[in-house]
Protein backbone atom coordinates (compact mmCIF):
# COMPACT_ATOMS: atom_id res chain seq x y z
CA MET A 1 24.87 74.19 11.62
CA GLY A 2 26.99 72.16 14.07
CA TYR A 3 24.38 72.74 16.77
CA GLN A 4 21.58 71.53 14.52
CA LEU A 5 23.54 68.40 13.58
CA ALA A 6 24.21 67.62 17.22
CA SER A 7 20.55 68.08 18.09
CA PHE A 8 19.48 65.84 15.18
CA THR A 9 21.93 63.14 16.27
CA MET A 10 20.79 63.33 19.89
CA PHE A 11 17.15 62.98 18.73
CA TRP A 12 17.82 59.68 16.94
CA VAL A 13 19.91 58.32 19.82
CA ASN A 14 17.09 59.04 22.29
CA LYS A 15 14.56 57.51 19.89
CA ALA A 16 16.69 54.34 19.58
CA ARG A 17 16.98 54.12 23.38
CA LEU A 18 13.22 54.48 23.68
CA SER A 19 12.71 51.68 21.12
CA VAL A 20 15.02 49.40 23.06
CA LEU A 21 13.21 50.20 26.29
CA LEU A 22 9.90 49.37 24.62
CA VAL A 23 11.16 46.08 23.13
CA LEU A 24 12.92 44.81 26.24
CA PRO A 25 9.71 44.03 28.22
CA SER A 26 8.41 42.02 25.25
CA LEU A 27 11.64 40.08 25.02
CA ALA A 28 11.56 39.47 28.76
CA PHE A 29 7.99 38.17 28.54
CA LEU A 30 8.90 35.82 25.69
CA PHE A 31 11.91 34.56 27.68
CA TRP A 32 9.73 33.97 30.75
CA GLN A 33 7.03 32.25 28.65
CA GLN A 34 9.60 29.95 27.02
CA PHE A 35 11.27 28.78 30.22
CA TYR A 36 8.66 29.14 32.97
CA ILE A 37 5.34 28.37 31.25
CA PRO A 38 4.84 24.66 30.44
CA HIS A 39 5.42 24.06 26.73
CA GLN A 40 2.28 23.38 24.71
CA CYS A 41 2.39 21.65 21.33
CA PRO A 42 0.44 23.20 18.48
CA SER A 43 -3.05 21.76 18.39
CA GLN A 44 -3.40 18.79 16.00
CA PRO A 45 -6.66 17.56 14.49
CA GLU A 46 -7.87 14.59 16.50
CA LYS A 47 -7.98 11.26 14.70
CA SER A 48 -11.56 10.02 14.64
CA SER A 49 -12.14 6.81 16.59
CA PRO A 50 -12.63 3.64 14.52
CA VAL A 51 -16.09 2.33 13.71
CA HIS A 52 -16.61 -1.28 14.82
CA VAL A 53 -19.02 -3.44 12.84
CA LEU A 54 -20.25 -6.93 13.73
CA ILE A 55 -21.95 -8.91 10.96
CA LEU A 56 -24.15 -11.19 13.03
CA SER A 57 -25.68 -14.21 11.30
CA SER A 58 -25.86 -18.00 11.22
CA TRP A 59 -24.18 -20.64 9.09
CA ARG A 60 -25.12 -20.72 5.39
CA SER A 61 -27.03 -17.44 5.45
CA GLY A 62 -24.93 -15.51 2.95
CA SER A 63 -22.67 -13.99 5.58
CA SER A 64 -19.46 -14.77 3.66
CA PHE A 65 -20.80 -12.68 0.78
CA VAL A 66 -21.79 -9.79 3.06
CA GLY A 67 -18.38 -10.05 4.69
CA GLN A 68 -16.74 -9.54 1.31
CA LEU A 69 -18.86 -6.45 0.64
CA PHE A 70 -16.96 -4.93 3.55
CA SER A 71 -13.63 -6.68 3.16
CA GLN A 72 -13.08 -5.29 -0.34
CA HIS A 73 -13.64 -1.71 0.81
CA PRO A 74 -10.27 0.12 1.10
CA ASP A 75 -11.24 1.70 4.45
CA VAL A 76 -12.08 -1.62 6.14
CA PHE A 77 -10.04 -4.10 8.16
CA TYR A 78 -12.03 -7.34 8.03
CA LEU A 79 -11.74 -10.76 9.67
CA MET A 80 -13.99 -13.73 9.03
CA GLU A 81 -15.11 -15.63 12.12
CA PRO A 82 -12.17 -15.20 14.51
CA ALA A 83 -14.29 -17.05 17.12
CA TRP A 84 -13.53 -20.27 15.22
CA HIS A 85 -10.33 -20.39 17.29
CA VAL A 86 -12.34 -20.32 20.53
CA TRP A 87 -14.65 -23.15 19.44
CA THR A 88 -11.85 -25.40 18.26
CA THR A 89 -9.78 -24.86 21.42
CA LEU A 90 -12.61 -25.08 23.97
CA SER A 91 -14.61 -27.73 22.16
CA SER A 92 -15.77 -29.41 25.38
CA GLY A 93 -17.99 -26.43 26.18
CA SER A 94 -21.52 -25.90 24.92
CA ALA A 95 -22.43 -23.16 22.45
CA GLY A 96 -24.00 -21.13 25.27
CA GLN A 97 -20.99 -21.49 27.55
CA LEU A 98 -18.57 -20.40 24.85
CA GLN A 99 -20.37 -17.14 24.04
CA MET A 100 -18.62 -15.19 26.81
CA ALA A 101 -15.19 -16.27 25.60
CA VAL A 102 -16.19 -15.37 22.04
CA ARG A 103 -17.38 -11.94 23.17
CA ASP A 104 -14.11 -11.22 24.97
CA LEU A 105 -12.11 -12.27 21.93
CA ILE A 106 -13.99 -10.09 19.46
CA ARG A 107 -13.75 -7.10 21.80
CA SER A 108 -9.96 -7.45 21.81
CA VAL A 109 -9.88 -7.85 18.03
CA PHE A 110 -12.05 -4.75 17.59
CA LEU A 111 -9.41 -2.88 19.60
CA CYS A 112 -6.66 -4.40 17.42
CA ASP A 113 -5.18 -6.36 20.33
CA MET A 114 -4.21 -9.61 18.62
CA THR A 115 -2.42 -11.01 21.68
CA VAL A 116 -5.84 -12.45 22.55
CA PHE A 117 -5.10 -15.27 20.08
CA ASP A 118 -2.22 -16.47 22.29
CA ALA A 119 -4.76 -18.43 24.33
CA TYR A 120 -6.11 -20.21 21.26
CA MET A 121 -3.06 -20.87 19.10
CA ALA A 122 0.05 -22.99 19.43
CA GLN A 123 3.02 -21.23 21.00
CA GLY A 124 6.01 -20.25 18.90
CA PRO A 125 6.47 -18.24 15.71
CA ARG A 126 3.22 -17.71 13.84
CA LYS A 127 2.39 -16.41 10.39
CA GLN A 128 -0.69 -14.65 9.07
CA SER A 129 -1.76 -18.03 7.73
CA SER A 130 -2.26 -19.23 11.33
CA LEU A 131 -5.46 -17.17 11.44
CA PHE A 132 -8.68 -18.86 10.32
CA MET A 133 -9.71 -17.81 6.78
CA TRP A 134 -7.11 -15.02 6.84
CA ASP A 135 -6.95 -14.87 3.04
CA THR A 136 -10.57 -13.63 2.83
CA SER A 137 -9.34 -10.32 4.29
CA ARG A 138 -8.22 -7.82 1.66
CA ALA A 139 -6.55 -5.87 4.48
CA LEU A 140 -4.17 -8.79 5.13
CA CYS A 141 -3.35 -8.99 1.42
CA SER A 142 -2.34 -5.34 1.00
CA PRO A 143 -0.05 -2.80 2.75
CA PRO A 144 1.05 -2.73 5.49
CA ALA A 145 0.38 -6.47 5.95
CA CYS A 146 1.52 -7.51 2.45
CA HIS A 147 3.06 -5.21 -0.16
CA LEU A 148 2.36 -7.36 -3.21
CA PHE A 149 -1.09 -5.88 -3.87
CA ASN A 150 -2.47 -2.37 -4.05
CA ARG A 151 -4.47 -1.35 -0.97
CA LYS A 152 -7.36 -0.12 -3.12
CA ALA A 153 -7.51 -3.17 -5.39
CA ILE A 154 -10.17 -5.89 -5.43
CA ILE A 155 -8.16 -8.92 -4.28
CA ARG A 156 -9.13 -12.54 -4.83
CA SER A 157 -8.65 -14.91 -1.91
CA ALA A 158 -6.82 -17.46 -4.09
CA ASP A 159 -4.22 -14.90 -5.17
CA CYS A 160 -3.69 -13.65 -1.63
CA LYS A 161 -3.28 -17.15 -0.24
CA ILE A 162 -0.40 -17.89 -2.60
CA LEU A 163 1.53 -14.66 -2.12
CA CYS A 164 0.88 -13.30 1.41
CA GLY A 165 0.66 -16.32 3.74
CA LYS A 166 4.20 -16.10 5.12
CA GLN A 167 3.88 -12.60 6.55
CA PRO A 168 4.60 -12.30 10.33
CA PHE A 169 1.56 -12.61 12.60
CA ASN A 170 2.23 -9.21 14.22
CA MET A 171 1.46 -7.54 10.89
CA ILE A 172 -2.22 -8.33 11.54
CA GLU A 173 -2.26 -5.92 14.48
CA GLU A 174 -0.31 -3.27 12.60
CA ALA A 175 -2.71 -3.48 9.67
CA CYS A 176 -5.77 -3.31 11.92
CA LYS A 177 -4.63 -0.02 13.47
CA SER A 178 -4.33 1.64 10.07
CA TYR A 179 -8.04 1.46 9.13
CA SER A 180 -11.05 3.62 10.00
CA HIS A 181 -13.43 0.62 10.17
CA VAL A 182 -12.91 -2.78 11.81
CA VAL A 183 -15.47 -5.35 10.63
CA LEU A 184 -15.89 -8.88 12.00
CA LYS A 185 -18.24 -11.56 10.76
CA GLU A 186 -19.57 -14.06 13.33
CA VAL A 187 -22.04 -16.96 13.31
CA ARG A 188 -21.41 -18.13 16.87
CA PHE A 189 -23.71 -15.85 18.87
CA PHE A 190 -27.19 -17.09 19.79
CA ASN A 191 -28.60 -14.05 21.61
CA LEU A 192 -28.13 -10.31 21.85
CA LYS A 193 -27.86 -10.20 25.62
CA THR A 194 -24.26 -11.43 25.42
CA LEU A 195 -23.39 -8.52 23.15
CA GLN A 196 -25.08 -5.69 25.06
CA PRO A 197 -21.97 -4.88 27.15
CA LEU A 198 -20.12 -4.24 23.88
CA LEU A 199 -22.84 -1.87 22.70
CA THR A 200 -22.37 0.25 25.84
CA ASP A 201 -18.58 -0.12 26.03
CA PRO A 202 -17.12 3.44 25.77
CA SER A 203 -14.00 2.11 24.03
CA LEU A 204 -16.10 0.73 21.16
CA ASN A 205 -18.31 2.30 18.51
CA LEU A 206 -20.20 -0.88 17.74
CA HIS A 207 -22.75 -1.31 14.96
CA ILE A 208 -24.53 -4.65 14.45
CA ILE A 209 -25.67 -5.84 11.04
CA HIS A 210 -28.04 -8.77 11.56
CA LEU A 211 -28.23 -10.89 8.40
CA VAL A 212 -31.05 -13.45 8.10
CA ARG A 213 -32.05 -15.86 5.35
CA ASP A 214 -35.07 -18.00 4.53
CA PRO A 215 -34.73 -21.11 6.80
CA ARG A 216 -35.67 -23.35 3.86
CA ALA A 217 -32.72 -21.99 1.87
CA VAL A 218 -30.45 -22.31 4.91
CA PHE A 219 -31.51 -25.95 5.34
CA ARG A 220 -30.81 -26.74 1.68
CA SER A 221 -27.37 -25.10 1.84
CA ARG A 222 -26.51 -26.92 5.06
CA GLN A 223 -27.32 -30.25 3.41
CA ASN A 224 -24.81 -29.47 0.68
CA THR A 225 -22.05 -28.60 3.17
CA LYS A 226 -22.41 -31.28 5.86
CA GLY A 227 -18.70 -31.98 6.01
CA ASN A 228 -17.80 -28.32 6.57
CA LEU A 229 -20.28 -27.94 9.43
CA LYS A 230 -19.76 -31.23 11.27
CA TYR A 231 -17.58 -29.79 14.04
CA ASP A 232 -19.87 -26.82 14.70
CA ASN A 233 -22.96 -29.06 14.65
CA HIS A 234 -21.53 -31.21 17.43
CA ILE A 235 -21.03 -28.18 19.67
CA VAL A 236 -24.51 -26.77 18.97
CA MET A 237 -26.20 -30.12 19.68
CA GLY A 238 -24.03 -30.92 22.69
CA SER A 239 -25.16 -34.02 24.57
CA GLN A 240 -28.38 -34.14 22.53
CA ARG A 241 -26.56 -35.59 19.53
CA ASN A 242 -26.29 -38.94 21.32
CA LYS A 243 -30.01 -39.02 22.05
CA MET A 244 -31.48 -38.60 18.57
CA LYS A 245 -31.42 -40.31 15.24
CA ASP A 246 -29.19 -38.95 12.50
CA VAL A 247 -32.22 -38.10 10.38
CA ASP A 248 -33.60 -35.83 13.14
CA GLN A 249 -30.39 -33.92 13.83
CA PRO A 250 -30.66 -31.43 10.91
CA TYR A 251 -34.12 -30.36 12.11
CA TYR A 252 -32.92 -29.98 15.69
CA LEU A 253 -30.15 -27.69 14.43
CA MET A 254 -32.57 -25.65 12.34
CA LYS A 255 -34.84 -25.19 15.34
CA ALA A 256 -31.89 -23.82 17.34
CA ILE A 257 -30.93 -21.50 14.48
CA CYS A 258 -34.44 -20.16 13.93
CA GLN A 259 -35.00 -19.56 17.62
CA SER A 260 -31.69 -17.74 18.02
CA GLN A 261 -32.27 -15.45 15.02
CA GLN A 262 -35.76 -14.60 16.24
CA GLU A 263 -34.47 -13.97 19.76
CA ILE A 264 -31.77 -11.60 18.45
CA TYR A 265 -34.35 -9.67 16.42
CA ASN A 266 -36.83 -9.41 19.31
CA ALA A 267 -34.14 -8.29 21.74
CA ALA A 268 -33.01 -5.59 19.30
CA GLN A 269 -36.48 -4.04 19.37
CA LEU A 270 -36.16 -3.67 23.15
CA LEU A 271 -32.83 -1.84 23.07
CA PRO A 272 -32.79 1.65 24.60
CA VAL A 273 -33.55 4.40 22.10
CA SER A 274 -29.91 5.54 22.30
CA LEU A 275 -28.73 2.14 21.03
CA ARG A 276 -31.49 1.21 18.60
CA ASP A 277 -29.82 2.92 15.65
CA ARG A 278 -26.78 0.67 16.18
CA TYR A 279 -28.74 -2.35 14.90
CA LEU A 280 -29.71 -3.07 11.30
CA LEU A 281 -31.62 -6.12 10.05
CA ILE A 282 -31.16 -7.21 6.44
CA ARG A 283 -32.52 -10.22 4.57
CA TYR A 284 -30.26 -12.08 2.17
CA GLU A 285 -33.10 -12.24 -0.36
CA ASP A 286 -33.51 -8.44 -0.40
CA LEU A 287 -29.77 -8.05 -0.84
CA VAL A 288 -29.48 -10.30 -3.91
CA GLN A 289 -32.65 -8.88 -5.47
CA ASP A 290 -31.26 -5.33 -5.42
CA PRO A 291 -27.58 -5.59 -4.48
CA LEU A 292 -26.56 -2.02 -5.30
CA THR A 293 -29.32 -0.38 -3.28
CA GLN A 294 -28.93 -2.71 -0.32
CA THR A 295 -25.12 -2.48 -0.29
CA SER A 296 -25.43 1.30 -0.34
CA LYS A 297 -27.74 1.00 2.67
CA LEU A 298 -25.19 -1.14 4.53
CA TYR A 299 -22.36 1.29 3.83
CA GLU A 300 -24.45 4.28 4.85
CA PHE A 301 -25.31 2.56 8.14
CA VAL A 302 -21.63 2.45 9.15
CA GLY A 303 -20.41 5.61 7.41
CA LEU A 304 -18.67 4.24 4.31
CA HIS A 305 -18.77 5.56 0.74
CA PHE A 306 -19.94 3.23 -2.03
CA LEU A 307 -17.00 3.75 -4.36
CA PRO A 308 -17.45 3.36 -8.16
CA GLN A 309 -15.08 0.38 -8.45
CA LEU A 310 -17.03 -1.39 -5.69
CA GLN A 311 -20.34 -0.72 -7.44
CA ILE A 312 -19.01 -2.43 -10.57
CA TRP A 313 -17.65 -5.35 -8.54
CA VAL A 314 -20.91 -5.86 -6.63
CA HIS A 315 -22.91 -5.82 -9.86
CA ASN A 316 -20.62 -8.36 -11.53
CA ILE A 317 -20.33 -10.76 -8.60
CA THR A 318 -24.12 -11.03 -8.19
CA ARG A 319 -24.94 -11.31 -11.91
CA GLY A 320 -22.84 -14.33 -12.85
CA LYS A 321 -24.07 -17.49 -14.55
CA GLY A 322 -23.17 -20.23 -12.08
CA MET A 323 -24.36 -21.33 -8.64
CA GLY A 324 -21.04 -20.79 -6.86
CA GLY A 325 -18.20 -23.12 -6.07
CA HIS A 326 -16.74 -24.02 -2.66
CA ALA A 327 -18.86 -23.53 0.45
CA PHE A 328 -17.13 -20.31 1.51
CA ASP A 329 -16.23 -18.91 -1.92
CA THR A 330 -17.76 -15.62 -2.98
CA ASN A 331 -17.01 -15.85 -6.68
CA SER A 332 -19.37 -14.59 -9.37
CA ARG A 333 -22.74 -16.33 -9.44
CA ASN A 334 -26.41 -15.85 -10.23
CA ALA A 335 -27.30 -14.71 -6.72
CA GLN A 336 -31.07 -14.64 -7.23
CA ARG A 337 -31.05 -18.17 -8.60
CA VAL A 338 -28.99 -19.33 -5.61
CA ALA A 339 -31.51 -17.73 -3.24
CA GLN A 340 -34.38 -19.67 -4.89
CA ALA A 341 -32.57 -23.03 -5.29
CA TRP A 342 -34.41 -24.66 -2.37
CA ARG A 343 -37.71 -24.38 -4.25
CA TRP A 344 -36.79 -26.95 -6.90
CA SER A 345 -34.23 -29.01 -4.96
CA LEU A 346 -35.88 -29.71 -1.57
CA PRO A 347 -38.56 -32.42 -1.25
CA HIS A 348 -41.87 -30.83 -0.29
CA ASP A 349 -42.27 -32.95 2.86
CA GLN A 350 -39.00 -31.51 4.20
CA VAL A 351 -40.23 -28.00 3.46
CA VAL A 352 -43.47 -28.70 5.36
CA GLN A 353 -41.51 -29.93 8.38
CA LEU A 354 -39.18 -26.91 8.30
CA GLN A 355 -42.13 -24.53 8.16
CA LYS A 356 -43.54 -26.09 11.33
CA ILE A 357 -40.21 -25.86 13.15
CA CYS A 358 -39.46 -22.28 12.10
CA LYS A 359 -43.01 -20.94 11.88
CA ASP A 360 -42.58 -18.07 14.34
CA ALA A 361 -39.20 -16.94 13.01
CA MET A 362 -40.47 -17.01 9.43
CA LYS A 363 -43.45 -14.86 10.37
CA VAL A 364 -41.29 -12.26 12.11
CA MET A 365 -38.79 -12.09 9.25
CA GLY A 366 -41.44 -11.95 6.53
CA TYR A 367 -40.98 -15.37 4.91
CA LEU A 368 -44.29 -16.74 3.61
CA PRO A 369 -45.07 -20.48 3.78
CA VAL A 370 -46.00 -22.66 0.80
CA PHE A 371 -49.06 -24.91 1.17
CA SER A 372 -48.53 -27.21 -1.78
CA GLU A 373 -45.73 -28.60 -3.89
CA LYS A 374 -47.13 -26.69 -6.84
CA ASP A 375 -46.72 -23.39 -4.98
CA GLN A 376 -43.22 -24.37 -3.96
CA ARG A 377 -42.09 -25.07 -7.54
CA SER A 378 -43.82 -22.03 -9.03
CA LEU A 379 -41.13 -19.36 -8.99
CA SER A 380 -43.65 -16.72 -10.01
CA MET A 381 -45.21 -16.96 -6.56
CA LYS A 382 -43.51 -14.46 -4.24
CA LEU A 383 -42.63 -15.72 -0.78
CA LEU A 384 -41.39 -12.48 0.76
CA SER A 385 -43.63 -10.04 2.57
CA THR A 386 -42.68 -6.44 3.28
CA LEU A 387 -40.35 -6.35 6.26
CA GLU A 388 -41.61 -3.77 8.74
CA ILE A 389 -38.87 -2.74 11.13
CA PRO A 390 -39.92 -0.56 14.09
C-alpha cells in the first residue's frame, strides 16, 4: 500500500515537472516578444478622409440657397465665400490676378488650416464674427463651435448671429476638423484651369458643383442688388469702368459672367476621364422646379444622405408665398416665381440686348430666347430645353 502511494505521488510530481517544462518555453517566448519585438498597437479602423465640395457659381445665381442645402446638413462644415477676404484686402488686383490667391486660400480652408486668414485680417484677437458671412454656417452655430444649438438642428442665420458671434476664432478650425464634408461656396473663379491643380491634389477629395442660372434672371437680380455688388463690380471691370458709360457697365459685367460660365462648362467636358465624375452641372431653374429630386442628386454626388428633416425643410423653404427678403437671405419663398420674375419685370429691349451678349452661353446651358414681348410675358411658354451633359 505504501509502495503504491509513493508511486502515485511520484507520478504526479513528474507530471507537474513536465507541465512546467512545457510552459516555460511559452513564457520565455512571451517575455522575449514583449521586450525585444517592437510594440504594435491593436489595429484601429481608419478614419475616412473628408470630402471637399466647391459650389462654383456667379453672383445672383441662387448659390446662397444651394449653399444652405449643404450648410444645414449635420455632416457638413460650410463657409460662404471665404475669398471675399482676398478681394477686399488685395483690391488693387484684377479678377484674373486674384484667382491664384483665392485658390490657395480655399485649399487651406478645405484642409481646415484657418491660419491662412492671418494674411487677410487685422492682427490681434479675433472672433468667429470676423469671418465673412460666418452666421450662414450651421457648423459655426453648433458644437463644438457654439454649444447653444443642437448640431442636428436647422439653424436660422439671425438666431446664430445673436448668440454665437463672440466665440473664439480658433473654434472655426476645431469645428472644421470634426466633419466628414467640407463645403465652400465661391463666385470669384472665372475659369476651371485655375482649379485643376486642386482636382489632382492628393491631399484633397474635391468635387465641383457648377451652378448656373438664366442670364436674364441674373441680370434682373443684379439690378435689384446694385449696392451689394458695387465693390465686386469694380474689380471685375478693372480699368474698363473708367472708359464706359454707367448705362453700359451692367452689360459689360454680364458678358464677363456669361463667358466665364461657358468657359468653365466647356473646360469640364475636356477633363480626363478619371476626373470627369468630379464635376456636376446644375441649373437653378431645374432645382426650384423639382427641389427634392435635385437636392437628392446633389447629395448623392458627394456621398450625403437626404435626411427626413432636411426633406421637410427643403420643401417648405421653396414653397413659400413671398419673393424673398435681403439679397443673401434664404428664407421661405415661392422659388419658381422668383426664377420667372425677370419675364414680367425686365423691359423687353433689355432682354433682347442680353440675349445677344449671352447667346452662346444660353445655347450651351439650354436657355431658349424669346423673340417678342408677348412670348416673354407668357409664362406658359417654356424657355428651358433638355440639358444634355456628356
